Structure formats: C-alpha cells, structure tokens
Amino acid sequence: MEENTKDQSVLDHIKQLTEKEEDLYGNPDLSEDDIKELHSVQSKLDQYWDLLRQRRAFRDAGDDPNRAKMRSSETIENYKE
C-alpha cells in the first residue's frame, strides 16, 4: 500500500508540473523568464517521469521500488535511446 502512495505522490507532482507547462504553453507572449521557467518545468517533468519508471522497474523485477532515486537533469538528458 505504501508503494502505491509513493507512486501516487510522484504522479501528483507530474500532474502539477504538466498543468504548469500547459499554462506556460497557453501564453502566446512568453517573456524570457517564462521561457526559463518552462525549461525548468520540462526538466523537472523528465526527472519525475524517470523516477516513476525506475520505481516501476524495481517493482517489476521483484525489488524494492524505494531504491529508485531522483537523477539529475544532466543524467536524464544524456540517455541514449
């Protein structure tokens, strides 16, 4: 049960960040500060999605999902597909 609560917390962060991203995209006249904030929000979104994927992967492998850790934006941006 606790695992699902932690996953839900991560999903709640993703929802909040997605709403912020949509608000920023909805503004046709973004200032330079808005653009910086948008980039920051997108980076945080990447980190939270990565954290959720890690938690699910640990769980699927029969391991403790709490081993998942938030990784830096730089680490995530440098993933090879």
PDB file of N, CA and C in Angstrom:
ATOM      1  N   MET A   1       0.820  -1.193   0.000  1.00  0.00           N
ATOM      2  CA  MET A   1       0.000   0.000   0.000  1.00  0.00           C
ATOM      3  C   MET A   1       0.864   1.258   0.000  1.00  0.00           C
ATOM      4  N   GLU A   2       1.924   1.250   0.815  1.00  0.00           N
ATOM      5  CA  GLU A   2       2.811   2.405   0.897  1.00  0.00           C
ATOM      6  C   GLU A   2       3.468   2.691  -0.454  1.00  0.00           C
ATOM      7  N   GLU A   3       3.796   1.631  -1.195  1.00  0.00           N
ATOM      8  CA  GLU A   3       4.425   1.803  -2.507  1.00  0.00           C
ATOM      9  C   GLU A   3       3.511   2.582  -3.441  1.00  0.00           C
ATOM     10  N   ASN A   4       2.217   2.230  -3.437  1.00  0.00           N
ATOM     11  CA  ASN A   4       1.262   2.925  -4.296  1.00  0.00           C
ATOM     12  C   ASN A   4       1.102   4.373  -3.878  1.00  0.00           C
ATOM     13  N   THR A   5       1.201   4.641  -2.577  1.00  0.00           N
ATOM     14  CA  THR A   5       1.112   6.012  -2.081  1.00  0.00           C
ATOM     15  C   THR A   5       2.276   6.832  -2.605  1.00  0.00           C
ATOM     16  N   LYS A   6       3.474   6.246  -2.593  1.00  0.00           N
ATOM     17  CA  LYS A   6       4.647   6.971  -3.096  1.00  0.00           C
ATOM     18  C   LYS A   6       4.547   7.176  -4.604  1.00  0.00           C
ATOM     19  N   ASP A   7       4.054   6.157  -5.331  1.00  0.00           N
ATOM     20  CA  ASP A   7       3.845   6.327  -6.764  1.00  0.00           C
ATOM     21  C   ASP A   7       2.837   7.439  -7.013  1.00  0.00           C
ATOM     22  N   GLN A   8       1.778   7.465  -6.215  1.00  0.00           N
ATOM     23  CA  GLN A   8       0.755   8.496  -6.382  1.00  0.00           C
ATOM     24  C   GLN A   8       1.330   9.878  -6.119  1.00  0.00           C
ATOM     25  N   SER A   9       2.217   9.987  -5.160  1.00  0.00           N
ATOM     26  CA  SER A   9       2.862  11.264  -4.876  1.00  0.00           C
ATOM     27  C   SER A   9       3.674  11.739  -6.085  1.00  0.00           C
ATOM     28  N   VAL A  10       4.390  10.814  -6.707  1.00  0.00           N
ATOM     29  CA  VAL A  10       5.166  11.153  -7.906  1.00  0.00           C
ATOM     30  C   VAL A  10       4.209  11.577  -9.021  1.00  0.00           C
ATOM     31  N   LEU A  11       3.121  10.836  -9.189  1.00  0.00           N
ATOM     32  CA  LEU A  11       2.135  11.181 -10.217  1.00  0.00           C
ATOM     33  C   LEU A  11       1.490  12.541  -9.947  1.00  0.00           C
ATOM     34  N   ASP A  12       1.277  12.858  -8.684  1.00  0.00           N
ATOM     35  CA  ASP A  12       0.717  14.171  -8.330  1.00  0.00           C
ATOM     36  C   ASP A  12       1.670  15.295  -8.738  1.00  0.00           C
ATOM     37  N   HIS A  13       2.969  15.081  -8.517  1.00  0.00           N
ATOM     38  CA  HIS A  13       3.964  16.078  -8.951  1.00  0.00           C
ATOM     39  C   HIS A  13       3.939  16.220 -10.467  1.00  0.00           C
ATOM     40  N   ILE A  14       3.850  15.106 -11.159  1.00  0.00           N
ATOM     41  CA  ILE A  14       3.803  15.133 -12.628  1.00  0.00           C
ATOM     42  C   ILE A  14       2.579  15.916 -13.094  1.00  0.00           C
ATOM     43  N   LYS A  15       1.441  15.683 -12.452  1.00  0.00           N
ATOM     44  CA  LYS A  15       0.214  16.395 -12.826  1.00  0.00           C
ATOM     45  C   LYS A  15       0.375  17.898 -12.627  1.00  0.00           C
ATOM     46  N   GLN A  16       0.912  18.299 -11.474  1.00  0.00           N
ATOM     47  CA  GLN A  16       1.093  19.726 -11.194  1.00  0.00           C
ATOM     48  C   GLN A  16       2.038  20.371 -12.208  1.00  0.00           C
ATOM     49  N   LEU A  17       3.126  19.682 -12.504  1.00  0.00           N
ATOM     50  CA  LEU A  17       4.090  20.231 -13.461  1.00  0.00           C
ATOM     51  C   LEU A  17       3.502  20.292 -14.864  1.00  0.00           C
ATOM     52  N   THR A  18       2.715  19.287 -15.225  1.00  0.00           N
ATOM     53  CA  THR A  18       2.077  19.275 -16.541  1.00  0.00           C
ATOM     54  C   THR A  18       1.098  20.442 -16.677  1.00  0.00           C
ATOM     55  N   GLU A  19       0.349  20.705 -15.619  1.00  0.00           N
ATOM     56  CA  GLU A  19      -0.579  21.842 -15.635  1.00  0.00           C
ATOM     57  C   GLU A  19       0.188  23.160 -15.791  1.00  0.00           C
ATOM     58  N   LYS A  20       1.302  23.280 -15.096  1.00  0.00           N
ATOM     59  CA  LYS A  20       2.120  24.494 -15.213  1.00  0.00           C
ATOM     60  C   LYS A  20       2.672  24.631 -16.631  1.00  0.00           C
ATOM     61  N   GLU A  21       3.132  23.510 -17.189  1.00  0.00           N
ATOM     62  CA  GLU A  21       3.658  23.520 -18.552  1.00  0.00           C
ATOM     63  C   GLU A  21       2.570  23.952 -19.540  1.00  0.00           C
ATOM     64  N   GLU A  22       1.361  23.423 -19.367  1.00  0.00           N
ATOM     65  CA  GLU A  22       0.251  23.793 -20.248  1.00  0.00           C
ATOM     66  C   GLU A  22      -0.102  25.268 -20.120  1.00  0.00           C
ATOM     67  N   ASP A  23      -0.057  25.780 -18.902  1.00  0.00           N
ATOM     68  CA  ASP A  23      -0.326  27.213 -18.690  1.00  0.00           C
ATOM     69  C   ASP A  23       0.699  28.066 -19.429  1.00  0.00           C
ATOM     70  N   LEU A  24       1.951  27.675 -19.314  1.00  0.00           N
ATOM     71  CA  LEU A  24       3.006  28.446 -19.983  1.00  0.00           C
ATOM     72  C   LEU A  24       2.869  28.348 -21.499  1.00  0.00           C
ATOM     73  N   TYR A  25       2.595  27.154 -22.013  1.00  0.00           N
ATOM     74  CA  TYR A  25       2.415  26.996 -23.461  1.00  0.00           C
ATOM     75  C   TYR A  25       1.194  27.770 -23.955  1.00  0.00           C
ATOM     76  N   GLY A  26       0.201  27.959 -23.074  1.00  0.00           N
ATOM     77  CA  GLY A  26      -1.006  28.671 -23.457  1.00  0.00           C
ATOM     78  C   GLY A  26      -0.824  30.173 -23.567  1.00  0.00           C
ATOM     79  N   ASN A  27       0.305  30.676 -23.115  1.00  0.00           N
ATOM     80  CA  ASN A  27       0.585  32.108 -23.182  1.00  0.00           C
ATOM     81  C   ASN A  27       1.324  32.413 -24.488  1.00  0.00           C
ATOM     82  N   PRO A  28       0.686  33.156 -25.387  1.00  0.00           N
ATOM     83  CA  PRO A  28       1.332  33.439 -26.678  1.00  0.00           C
ATOM     84  C   PRO A  28       2.511  34.415 -26.574  1.00  0.00           C
ATOM     85  N   ASP A  29       2.602  35.143 -25.473  1.00  0.00           N
ATOM     86  CA  ASP A  29       3.653  36.143 -25.311  1.00  0.00           C
ATOM     87  C   ASP A  29       4.547  35.806 -24.126  1.00  0.00           C
ATOM     88  N   LEU A  30       5.306  34.732 -24.251  1.00  0.00           N
ATOM     89  CA  LEU A  30       6.181  34.327 -23.157  1.00  0.00           C
ATOM     90  C   LEU A  30       7.355  35.285 -23.025  1.00  0.00           C
ATOM     91  N   SER A  31       7.592  35.700 -21.801  1.00  0.00           N
ATOM     92  CA  SER A  31       8.767  36.522 -21.520  1.00  0.00           C
ATOM     93  C   SER A  31       9.981  35.610 -21.435  1.00  0.00           C
ATOM     94  N   GLU A  32      11.146  36.197 -21.324  1.00  0.00           N
ATOM     95  CA  GLU A  32      12.362  35.411 -21.178  1.00  0.00           C
ATOM     96  C   GLU A  32      12.321  34.595 -19.883  1.00  0.00           C
ATOM     97  N   ASP A  33      11.770  35.196 -18.827  1.00  0.00           N
ATOM     98  CA  ASP A  33      11.627  34.475 -17.560  1.00  0.00           C
ATOM     99  C   ASP A  33      10.655  33.305 -17.700  1.00  0.00           C
ATOM    100  N   ASP A  34       9.572  33.511 -18.453  1.00  0.00           N
ATOM    101  CA  ASP A  34       8.612  32.427 -18.690  1.00  0.00           C
ATOM    102  C   ASP A  34       9.271  31.267 -19.437  1.00  0.00           C
ATOM    103  N   ILE A  35      10.095  31.587 -20.390  1.00  0.00           N
ATOM    104  CA  ILE A  35      10.785  30.559 -21.167  1.00  0.00           C
ATOM    105  C   ILE A  35      11.743  29.776 -20.264  1.00  0.00           C
ATOM    106  N   LYS A  36      12.438  30.483 -19.388  1.00  0.00           N
ATOM    107  CA  LYS A  36      13.319  29.805 -18.434  1.00  0.00           C
ATOM    108  C   LYS A  36      12.513  28.898 -17.513  1.00  0.00           C
ATOM    109  N   GLU A  37      11.373  29.393 -17.058  1.00  0.00           N
ATOM    110  CA  GLU A  37      10.516  28.594 -16.179  1.00  0.00           C
ATOM    111  C   GLU A  37       9.990  27.364 -16.920  1.00  0.00           C
ATOM    112  N   LEU A  38       9.617  27.535 -18.176  1.00  0.00           N
ATOM    113  CA  LEU A  38       9.141  26.418 -18.983  1.00  0.00           C
ATOM    114  C   LEU A  38      10.217  25.338 -19.096  1.00  0.00           C
ATOM    115  N   HIS A  39      11.430  25.748 -19.358  1.00  0.00           N
ATOM    116  CA  HIS A  39      12.538  24.789 -19.457  1.00  0.00           C
ATOM    117  C   HIS A  39      12.762  24.075 -18.131  1.00  0.00           C
ATOM    118  N   SER A  40      12.648  24.815 -17.041  1.00  0.00           N
ATOM    119  CA  SER A  40      12.802  24.232 -15.711  1.00  0.00           C
ATOM    120  C   SER A  40      11.692  23.211 -15.440  1.00  0.00           C
ATOM    121  N   VAL A  41      10.466  23.560 -15.777  1.00  0.00           N
ATOM    122  CA  VAL A  41       9.334  22.658 -15.585  1.00  0.00           C
ATOM    123  C   VAL A  41       9.525  21.393 -16.416  1.00  0.00           C
ATOM    124  N   GLN A  42       9.958  21.546 -17.659  1.00  0.00           N
ATOM    125  CA  GLN A  42      10.168  20.385 -18.519  1.00  0.00           C
ATOM    126  C   GLN A  42      11.267  19.483 -17.967  1.00  0.00           C
ATOM    127  N   SER A  43      12.296  20.074 -17.439  1.00  0.00           N
ATOM    128  CA  SER A  43      13.385  19.306 -16.849  1.00  0.00           C
ATOM    129  C   SER A  43      12.895  18.529 -15.626  1.00  0.00           C
ATOM    130  N   LYS A  44      12.121  19.192 -14.774  1.00  0.00           N
ATOM    131  CA  LYS A  44      11.572  18.523 -13.592  1.00  0.00           C
ATOM    132  C   LYS A  44      10.623  17.398 -13.996  1.00  0.00           C
ATOM    133  N   LEU A  45       9.827  17.637 -15.038  1.00  0.00           N
ATOM    134  CA  LEU A  45       8.930  16.592 -15.533  1.00  0.00           C
ATOM    135  C   LEU A  45       9.725  15.358 -15.959  1.00  0.00           C
ATOM    136  N   ASP A  46      10.804  15.581 -16.693  1.00  0.00           N
ATOM    137  CA  ASP A  46      11.658  14.462 -17.111  1.00  0.00           C
ATOM    138  C   ASP A  46      12.166  13.687 -15.898  1.00  0.00           C
ATOM    139  N   GLN A  47      12.558  14.416 -14.861  1.00  0.00           N
ATOM    140  CA  GLN A  47      13.087  13.765 -13.659  1.00  0.00           C
ATOM    141  C   GLN A  47      12.010  12.937 -12.953  1.00  0.00           C
ATOM    142  N   TYR A  48      10.817  13.479 -12.841  1.00  0.00           N
ATOM    143  CA  TYR A  48       9.747  12.739 -12.166  1.00  0.00           C
ATOM    144  C   TYR A  48       9.298  11.527 -12.980  1.00  0.00           C
ATOM    145  N   TRP A  49       9.223  11.665 -14.311  1.00  0.00           N
ATOM    146  CA  TRP A  49       8.877  10.506 -15.143  1.00  0.00           C
ATOM    147  C   TRP A  49       9.955   9.433 -15.003  1.00  0.00           C
ATOM    148  N   ASP A  50      11.200   9.841 -14.969  1.00  0.00           N
ATOM    149  CA  ASP A  50      12.295   8.894 -14.800  1.00  0.00           C
ATOM    150  C   ASP A  50      12.179   8.184 -13.456  1.00  0.00           C
ATOM    151  N   LEU A  51      11.881   8.922 -12.400  1.00  0.00           N
ATOM    152  CA  LEU A  51      11.725   8.340 -11.075  1.00  0.00           C
ATOM    153  C   LEU A  51      10.588   7.311 -11.075  1.00  0.00           C
ATOM    154  N   LEU A  52       9.476   7.652 -11.700  1.00  0.00           N
ATOM    155  CA  LEU A  52       8.348   6.726 -11.753  1.00  0.00           C
ATOM    156  C   LEU A  52       8.719   5.462 -12.536  1.00  0.00           C
ATOM    157  N   ARG A  53       9.415   5.624 -13.652  1.00  0.00           N
ATOM    158  CA  ARG A  53       9.859   4.450 -14.436  1.00  0.00           C
ATOM    159  C   ARG A  53      10.798   3.577 -13.614  1.00  0.00           C
ATOM    160  N   GLN A  54      11.702   4.199 -12.870  1.00  0.00           N
ATOM    161  CA  GLN A  54      12.610   3.433 -12.013  1.00  0.00           C
ATOM    162  C   GLN A  54      11.824   2.641 -10.968  1.00  0.00           C
ATOM    163  N   ARG A  55      10.878   3.291 -10.311  1.00  0.00           N
ATOM    164  CA  ARG A  55      10.081   2.619  -9.276  1.00  0.00           C
ATOM    165  C   ARG A  55       9.352   1.416  -9.861  1.00  0.00           C
ATOM    166  N   ARG A  56       8.757   1.599 -11.032  1.00  0.00           N
ATOM    167  CA  ARG A  56       8.026   0.502 -11.665  1.00  0.00           C
ATOM    168  C   ARG A  56       8.967  -0.623 -12.083  1.00  0.00           C
ATOM    169  N   ALA A  57      10.140  -0.269 -12.575  1.00  0.00           N
ATOM    170  CA  ALA A  57      11.107  -1.288 -12.991  1.00  0.00           C
ATOM    171  C   ALA A  57      11.600  -2.099 -11.797  1.00  0.00           C
ATOM    172  N   PHE A  58      11.917  -1.433 -10.705  1.00  0.00           N
ATOM    173  CA  PHE A  58      12.334  -2.154  -9.500  1.00  0.00           C
ATOM    174  C   PHE A  58      11.225  -3.097  -9.034  1.00  0.00           C
ATOM    175  N   ARG A  59      10.000  -2.588  -9.004  1.00  0.00           N
ATOM    176  CA  ARG A  59       8.870  -3.397  -8.556  1.00  0.00           C
ATOM    177  C   ARG A  59       8.677  -4.602  -9.479  1.00  0.00           C
ATOM    178  N   ASP A  60       8.713  -4.376 -10.778  1.00  0.00           N
ATOM    179  CA  ASP A  60       8.529  -5.467 -11.748  1.00  0.00           C
ATOM    180  C   ASP A  60       9.616  -6.525 -11.626  1.00  0.00           C
ATOM    181  N   ALA A  61      10.791  -6.118 -11.201  1.00  0.00           N
ATOM    182  CA  ALA A  61      11.912  -7.059 -11.039  1.00  0.00           C
ATOM    183  C   ALA A  61      11.883  -7.734  -9.660  1.00  0.00           C
ATOM    184  N   GLY A  62      10.848  -7.446  -8.875  1.00  0.00           N
ATOM    185  CA  GLY A  62      10.745  -8.036  -7.547  1.00  0.00           C
ATOM    186  C   GLY A  62      11.629  -7.363  -6.519  1.00  0.00           C
ATOM    187  N   ASP A  63      12.076  -6.170  -6.823  1.00  0.00           N
ATOM    188  CA  ASP A  63      12.963  -5.425  -5.936  1.00  0.00           C
ATOM    189  C   ASP A  63      12.180  -4.307  -5.257  1.00  0.00           C
ATOM    190  N   ASP A  64      12.809  -3.636  -4.335  1.00  0.00           N
ATOM    191  CA  ASP A  64      12.197  -2.561  -3.569  1.00  0.00           C
ATOM    192  C   ASP A  64      12.133  -1.278  -4.409  1.00  0.00           C
ATOM    193  N   PRO A  65      10.924  -0.794  -4.730  1.00  0.00           N
ATOM    194  CA  PRO A  65      10.808   0.429  -5.533  1.00  0.00           C
ATOM    195  C   PRO A  65      11.370   1.663  -4.838  1.00  0.00           C
ATOM    196  N   ASN A  66      11.549   1.576  -3.523  1.00  0.00           N
ATOM    197  CA  ASN A  66      12.106   2.714  -2.793  1.00  0.00           C
ATOM    198  C   ASN A  66      13.596   2.899  -3.057  1.00  0.00           C
ATOM    199  N   ARG A  67      14.194   1.960  -3.788  1.00  0.00           N
ATOM    200  CA  ARG A  67      15.591   2.133  -4.196  1.00  0.00           C
ATOM    201  C   ARG A  67      15.727   3.178  -5.301  1.00  0.00           C
ATOM    202  N   ALA A  68      14.616   3.499  -5.948  1.00  0.00           N
ATOM    203  CA  ALA A  68      14.634   4.495  -7.021  1.00  0.00           C
ATOM    204  C   ALA A  68      15.030   5.850  -6.449  1.00  0.00           C
ATOM    205  N   LYS A  69      15.858   6.553  -7.178  1.00  0.00           N
ATOM    206  CA  LYS A  69      16.344   7.869  -6.753  1.00  0.00           C
ATOM    207  C   LYS A  69      16.149   8.885  -7.872  1.00  0.00           C
ATOM    208  N   MET A  70      15.871  10.104  -7.472  1.00  0.00           N
ATOM    209  CA  MET A  70      15.778  11.198  -8.433  1.00  0.00           C
ATOM    210  C   MET A  70      17.165  11.425  -9.026  1.00  0.00           C
ATOM    211  N   ARG A  71      17.240  11.370 -10.352  1.00  0.00           N
ATOM    212  CA  ARG A  71      18.528  11.597 -11.013  1.00  0.00           C
ATOM    213  C   ARG A  71      18.581  13.024 -11.549  1.00  0.00           C
ATOM    214  N   SER A  72      19.783  13.488 -11.778  1.00  0.00           N
ATOM    215  CA  SER A  72      19.966  14.866 -12.265  1.00  0.00           C
ATOM    216  C   SER A  72      19.431  15.007 -13.682  1.00  0.00           C
ATOM    217  N   SER A  73      19.086  16.232 -14.029  1.00  0.00           N
ATOM    218  CA  SER A  73      18.622  16.522 -15.392  1.00  0.00           C
ATOM    219  C   SER A  73      19.691  16.157 -16.410  1.00  0.00           C
ATOM    220  N   GLU A  74      20.941  16.419 -16.046  1.00  0.00           N
ATOM    221  CA  GLU A  74      22.037  16.134 -16.971  1.00  0.00           C
ATOM    222  C   GLU A  74      22.115  14.640 -17.281  1.00  0.00           C
ATOM    223  N   THR A  75      21.930  13.832 -16.267  1.00  0.00           N
ATOM    224  CA  THR A  75      21.960  12.378 -16.462  1.00  0.00           C
ATOM    225  C   THR A  75      20.831  11.959 -17.403  1.00  0.00           C
ATOM    226  N   ILE A  76      19.648  12.458 -17.147  1.00  0.00           N
ATOM    227  CA  ILE A  76      18.491  12.082 -17.947  1.00  0.00           C
ATOM    228  C   ILE A  76      18.626  12.584 -19.380  1.00  0.00           C
ATOM    229  N   GLU A  77      19.103  13.790 -19.560  1.00  0.00           N
ATOM    230  CA  GLU A  77      19.249  14.363 -20.907  1.00  0.00           C
ATOM    231  C   GLU A  77      20.272  13.612 -21.736  1.00  0.00           C
ATOM    232  N   ASN A  78      21.201  12.934 -21.090  1.00  0.00           N
ATOM    233  CA  ASN A  78      22.255  12.244 -21.825  1.00  0.00           C
ATOM    234  C   ASN A  78      21.967  10.765 -22.055  1.00  0.00           C
ATOM    235  N   TYR A  79      20.747  10.326 -21.792  1.00  0.00           N
ATOM    236  CA  TYR A  79      20.368   8.945 -22.076  1.00  0.00           C
ATOM    237  C   TYR A  79      20.491   8.687 -23.569  1.00  0.00           C
ATOM    238  N   LYS A  80      20.903   7.506 -23.905  1.00  0.00           N
ATOM    239  CA  LYS A  80      20.917   7.103 -25.318  1.00  0.00           C
ATOM    240  C   LYS A  80      19.730   6.213 -25.544  1.00  0.00           C
ATOM    241  N   GLU A  81      19.019   6.480 -26.619  1.00  0.00           N
ATOM    242  CA  GLU A  81      17.841   5.663 -26.940  1.00  0.00           C
ATOM    243  C   GLU A  81      18.204   4.510 -27.804  1.00  0.00           C
TER     244      GLU A  81
END
